Amino acid sequence: MAHKPNMGNPGRWLKHVDDGQIFQHTDNLAKHPKMEEVTEKEAFPERFLTSKQKTRESELDLSTDPKAVEKAKPKKATKAALASDASKGLDKKK
């Protein structure tokens, strides 16, 4: 008699309560006290994005246009400017 692998129950999902990892529902995993059954929408929210979420514009310029990349490069900072910026918020010696 051939062993049939346990492929789980289609359309059912389990989530580990501590780390949020998603598993396909199996009877053995469902018995585990740290597993809870979740809907497909809870397990895979990226599959259920609204049209507004899919077309949302990024606030950052993500283009690879060489002119935009050159413009986005930081200006060369001096050692004094870096040191003063790094020490902001530190208590002064008393």
N, C-alpha and C. Protein backbone atom coordinates (compact mmCIF):
# COMPACT_ATOMS: atom_id res chain seq x y z
N MET A 1 0.84 -1.17 0.00
CA MET A 1 0.00 0.00 0.00
C MET A 1 0.90 1.24 0.00
N ALA A 2 0.68 2.14 -0.96
CA ALA A 2 1.49 3.34 -1.10
C ALA A 2 1.05 4.40 -0.09
N HIS A 3 2.02 5.12 0.44
CA HIS A 3 1.74 6.19 1.39
C HIS A 3 1.31 7.44 0.65
N LYS A 4 0.18 7.98 1.03
CA LYS A 4 -0.33 9.20 0.40
C LYS A 4 0.11 10.41 1.23
N PRO A 5 0.84 11.35 0.62
CA PRO A 5 1.28 12.52 1.40
C PRO A 5 0.10 13.38 1.82
N ASN A 6 0.23 14.00 2.97
CA ASN A 6 -0.82 14.87 3.48
C ASN A 6 -0.64 16.26 2.86
N MET A 7 -1.45 16.55 1.86
CA MET A 7 -1.33 17.83 1.15
C MET A 7 -2.17 18.93 1.78
N GLY A 8 -2.90 18.63 2.83
CA GLY A 8 -3.68 19.66 3.50
C GLY A 8 -5.07 19.80 2.91
N ASN A 9 -5.81 20.69 3.51
CA ASN A 9 -7.18 20.94 3.09
C ASN A 9 -7.21 22.20 2.23
N PRO A 10 -7.57 22.07 0.97
CA PRO A 10 -7.55 23.23 0.06
C PRO A 10 -8.46 24.36 0.56
N GLY A 11 -7.96 25.58 0.45
CA GLY A 11 -8.76 26.74 0.80
C GLY A 11 -8.79 27.06 2.28
N ARG A 12 -8.07 26.30 3.09
CA ARG A 12 -8.05 26.55 4.54
C ARG A 12 -6.61 26.83 4.95
N TRP A 13 -6.44 27.79 5.86
CA TRP A 13 -5.10 28.24 6.24
C TRP A 13 -4.98 28.34 7.74
N LEU A 14 -3.77 28.10 8.23
CA LEU A 14 -3.46 28.23 9.65
C LEU A 14 -2.36 29.27 9.82
N LYS A 15 -2.43 30.01 10.92
CA LYS A 15 -1.41 31.01 11.22
C LYS A 15 -0.86 30.73 12.60
N HIS A 16 0.46 30.77 12.72
CA HIS A 16 1.11 30.60 14.02
C HIS A 16 0.94 31.90 14.78
N VAL A 17 0.45 31.83 16.02
CA VAL A 17 0.11 33.04 16.76
C VAL A 17 1.34 33.83 17.19
N ASP A 18 2.49 33.20 17.34
CA ASP A 18 3.68 33.93 17.79
C ASP A 18 4.37 34.68 16.66
N ASP A 19 4.62 34.00 15.54
CA ASP A 19 5.39 34.65 14.48
C ASP A 19 4.60 34.97 13.22
N GLY A 20 3.33 34.59 13.16
CA GLY A 20 2.48 34.95 12.03
C GLY A 20 2.71 34.13 10.77
N GLN A 21 3.54 33.08 10.85
CA GLN A 21 3.80 32.26 9.67
C GLN A 21 2.53 31.53 9.25
N ILE A 22 2.31 31.46 7.93
CA ILE A 22 1.10 30.85 7.38
C ILE A 22 1.40 29.43 6.90
N PHE A 23 0.50 28.51 7.19
CA PHE A 23 0.61 27.12 6.76
C PHE A 23 -0.70 26.69 6.13
N GLN A 24 -0.61 25.74 5.21
CA GLN A 24 -1.83 25.14 4.68
C GLN A 24 -2.43 24.28 5.78
N HIS A 25 -3.74 24.28 5.86
CA HIS A 25 -4.44 23.58 6.92
C HIS A 25 -4.26 22.07 6.79
N THR A 26 -3.78 21.46 7.86
CA THR A 26 -3.77 19.99 7.98
C THR A 26 -4.35 19.66 9.33
N ASP A 27 -4.88 18.47 9.45
CA ASP A 27 -5.51 18.08 10.71
C ASP A 27 -4.50 18.07 11.86
N ASN A 28 -3.28 17.60 11.61
CA ASN A 28 -2.27 17.56 12.66
C ASN A 28 -1.85 18.95 13.10
N LEU A 29 -1.64 19.85 12.15
CA LEU A 29 -1.26 21.22 12.52
C LEU A 29 -2.39 21.95 13.24
N ALA A 30 -3.62 21.67 12.86
CA ALA A 30 -4.77 22.35 13.46
C ALA A 30 -4.89 22.01 14.95
N LYS A 31 -4.35 20.86 15.37
CA LYS A 31 -4.41 20.45 16.78
C LYS A 31 -3.41 21.21 17.64
N HIS A 32 -2.42 21.83 17.01
CA HIS A 32 -1.38 22.54 17.76
C HIS A 32 -1.99 23.74 18.46
N PRO A 33 -1.68 23.95 19.76
CA PRO A 33 -2.31 25.05 20.50
C PRO A 33 -1.90 26.45 20.03
N LYS A 34 -0.79 26.58 19.34
CA LYS A 34 -0.34 27.91 18.88
C LYS A 34 -0.79 28.20 17.45
N MET A 35 -1.65 27.38 16.88
CA MET A 35 -2.16 27.60 15.53
C MET A 35 -3.61 28.05 15.60
N GLU A 36 -3.94 29.00 14.75
CA GLU A 36 -5.33 29.43 14.63
C GLU A 36 -5.71 29.47 13.16
N GLU A 37 -6.94 29.11 12.87
CA GLU A 37 -7.39 29.11 11.48
C GLU A 37 -7.71 30.55 11.07
N VAL A 38 -7.28 30.91 9.86
CA VAL A 38 -7.54 32.25 9.33
C VAL A 38 -8.13 32.12 7.93
N THR A 39 -8.76 33.19 7.48
CA THR A 39 -9.32 33.20 6.14
C THR A 39 -8.20 33.43 5.13
N GLU A 40 -8.49 33.18 3.87
CA GLU A 40 -7.50 33.41 2.82
C GLU A 40 -7.13 34.90 2.76
N LYS A 41 -8.10 35.76 3.01
CA LYS A 41 -7.85 37.20 2.98
C LYS A 41 -6.88 37.62 4.08
N GLU A 42 -7.00 37.00 5.26
CA GLU A 42 -6.06 37.28 6.35
C GLU A 42 -4.69 36.69 6.06
N ALA A 43 -4.66 35.51 5.44
CA ALA A 43 -3.40 34.82 5.15
C ALA A 43 -2.63 35.50 4.03
N PHE A 44 -3.32 35.97 3.00
CA PHE A 44 -2.68 36.55 1.82
C PHE A 44 -3.36 37.86 1.42
N PRO A 45 -3.15 38.94 2.20
CA PRO A 45 -3.83 40.20 1.90
C PRO A 45 -3.42 40.80 0.56
N GLU A 46 -2.22 40.45 0.06
CA GLU A 46 -1.78 41.01 -1.22
C GLU A 46 -2.64 40.54 -2.39
N ARG A 47 -3.36 39.46 -2.22
CA ARG A 47 -4.26 38.96 -3.28
C ARG A 47 -5.56 39.75 -3.34
N PHE A 48 -5.84 40.54 -2.32
CA PHE A 48 -7.13 41.22 -2.21
C PHE A 48 -6.99 42.73 -2.18
N LEU A 49 -6.00 43.28 -2.87
CA LEU A 49 -5.81 44.72 -2.92
C LEU A 49 -6.94 45.38 -3.70
N THR A 50 -7.34 46.56 -3.24
CA THR A 50 -8.35 47.32 -3.98
C THR A 50 -7.67 48.00 -5.16
N SER A 51 -8.46 48.48 -6.10
CA SER A 51 -7.89 49.15 -7.26
C SER A 51 -7.13 50.40 -6.84
N LYS A 52 -7.59 51.07 -5.78
CA LYS A 52 -6.90 52.26 -5.29
C LYS A 52 -5.53 51.90 -4.73
N GLN A 53 -5.43 50.78 -4.02
CA GLN A 53 -4.16 50.34 -3.46
C GLN A 53 -3.19 49.90 -4.56
N LYS A 54 -3.70 49.30 -5.60
CA LYS A 54 -2.85 48.83 -6.69
C LYS A 54 -2.23 49.98 -7.48
N THR A 55 -2.95 51.10 -7.57
CA THR A 55 -2.48 52.22 -8.40
C THR A 55 -1.90 53.37 -7.58
N ARG A 56 -1.63 53.13 -6.30
CA ARG A 56 -1.11 54.19 -5.45
C ARG A 56 0.26 54.63 -5.94
N GLU A 57 0.44 55.93 -6.02
CA GLU A 57 1.70 56.50 -6.47
C GLU A 57 2.68 56.58 -5.30
N SER A 58 3.92 56.34 -5.59
CA SER A 58 4.97 56.46 -4.58
C SER A 58 5.35 57.92 -4.42
N GLU A 59 5.67 58.31 -3.19
CA GLU A 59 6.09 59.69 -2.95
C GLU A 59 7.54 59.89 -3.39
N LEU A 60 8.29 58.80 -3.50
CA LEU A 60 9.68 58.89 -3.93
C LEU A 60 9.78 58.74 -5.44
N ASP A 61 10.76 59.37 -6.01
CA ASP A 61 11.02 59.21 -7.43
C ASP A 61 11.78 57.90 -7.61
N LEU A 62 11.11 56.90 -8.14
CA LEU A 62 11.72 55.58 -8.29
C LEU A 62 12.26 55.35 -9.69
N SER A 63 12.34 56.40 -10.47
CA SER A 63 12.82 56.25 -11.84
C SER A 63 14.32 56.00 -11.84
N THR A 64 14.79 55.45 -12.94
CA THR A 64 16.22 55.21 -13.08
C THR A 64 16.82 56.16 -14.11
N ASP A 65 16.14 57.26 -14.34
CA ASP A 65 16.63 58.28 -15.24
C ASP A 65 17.94 58.82 -14.69
N PRO A 66 19.02 58.84 -15.48
CA PRO A 66 20.34 59.28 -14.97
C PRO A 66 20.31 60.68 -14.37
N LYS A 67 19.52 61.58 -14.94
CA LYS A 67 19.45 62.95 -14.42
C LYS A 67 18.81 62.96 -13.03
N ALA A 68 17.75 62.15 -12.84
CA ALA A 68 17.09 62.08 -11.54
C ALA A 68 18.00 61.44 -10.50
N VAL A 69 18.77 60.45 -10.92
CA VAL A 69 19.70 59.79 -10.00
C VAL A 69 20.79 60.76 -9.57
N GLU A 70 21.32 61.52 -10.50
CA GLU A 70 22.37 62.49 -10.19
C GLU A 70 21.85 63.56 -9.24
N LYS A 71 20.61 63.97 -9.46
CA LYS A 71 20.00 65.01 -8.63
C LYS A 71 19.76 64.50 -7.21
N ALA A 72 19.51 63.20 -7.07
CA ALA A 72 19.21 62.62 -5.76
C ALA A 72 20.45 62.31 -4.94
N LYS A 73 21.63 62.33 -5.56
CA LYS A 73 22.85 62.04 -4.81
C LYS A 73 23.07 63.12 -3.76
N PRO A 74 23.50 62.72 -2.57
CA PRO A 74 23.73 63.71 -1.52
C PRO A 74 24.92 64.60 -1.85
N LYS A 75 24.85 65.81 -1.36
CA LYS A 75 25.95 66.75 -1.55
C LYS A 75 27.11 66.31 -0.68
N LYS A 76 28.32 66.64 -1.10
CA LYS A 76 29.49 66.26 -0.33
C LYS A 76 29.50 67.04 0.99
N ALA A 77 29.56 66.32 2.10
CA ALA A 77 29.53 66.96 3.40
C ALA A 77 30.95 67.09 3.95
N THR A 78 31.19 68.14 4.69
CA THR A 78 32.50 68.33 5.30
C THR A 78 32.56 67.55 6.60
N LYS A 79 33.78 67.33 7.11
CA LYS A 79 33.94 66.61 8.37
C LYS A 79 33.28 67.36 9.51
N ALA A 80 33.39 68.68 9.50
CA ALA A 80 32.80 69.48 10.58
C ALA A 80 31.28 69.36 10.57
N ALA A 81 30.71 69.39 9.37
CA ALA A 81 29.24 69.28 9.27
C ALA A 81 28.79 67.90 9.73
N LEU A 82 29.54 66.88 9.36
CA LEU A 82 29.18 65.52 9.79
C LEU A 82 29.31 65.39 11.29
N ALA A 83 30.38 65.93 11.86
CA ALA A 83 30.60 65.83 13.30
C ALA A 83 29.52 66.57 14.08
N SER A 84 29.12 67.75 13.62
CA SER A 84 28.09 68.49 14.33
C SER A 84 26.74 67.78 14.21
N ASP A 85 26.47 67.20 13.06
CA ASP A 85 25.22 66.47 12.88
C ASP A 85 25.21 65.21 13.75
N ALA A 86 26.34 64.53 13.85
CA ALA A 86 26.42 63.30 14.63
C ALA A 86 26.30 63.57 16.12
N SER A 87 26.70 64.73 16.57
CA SER A 87 26.68 65.02 17.99
C SER A 87 25.42 65.74 18.45
N LYS A 88 24.47 65.95 17.58
CA LYS A 88 23.22 66.61 17.98
C LYS A 88 22.51 65.79 19.04
N GLY A 89 22.04 66.44 20.06
CA GLY A 89 21.27 65.78 21.09
C GLY A 89 22.12 65.16 22.18
N LEU A 90 23.46 65.18 22.06
CA LEU A 90 24.30 64.65 23.11
C LEU A 90 24.48 65.71 24.18
N ASP A 91 24.52 65.25 25.42
CA ASP A 91 24.71 66.19 26.53
C ASP A 91 26.11 66.77 26.47
N LYS A 92 26.21 68.03 26.79
CA LYS A 92 27.52 68.67 26.82
C LYS A 92 28.18 68.37 28.15
N LYS A 93 29.51 68.37 28.16
CA LYS A 93 30.25 68.13 29.41
C LYS A 93 29.95 69.25 30.39
N LYS A 94 29.85 68.87 31.65
CA LYS A 94 29.51 69.83 32.70
C LYS A 94 30.73 70.25 33.46
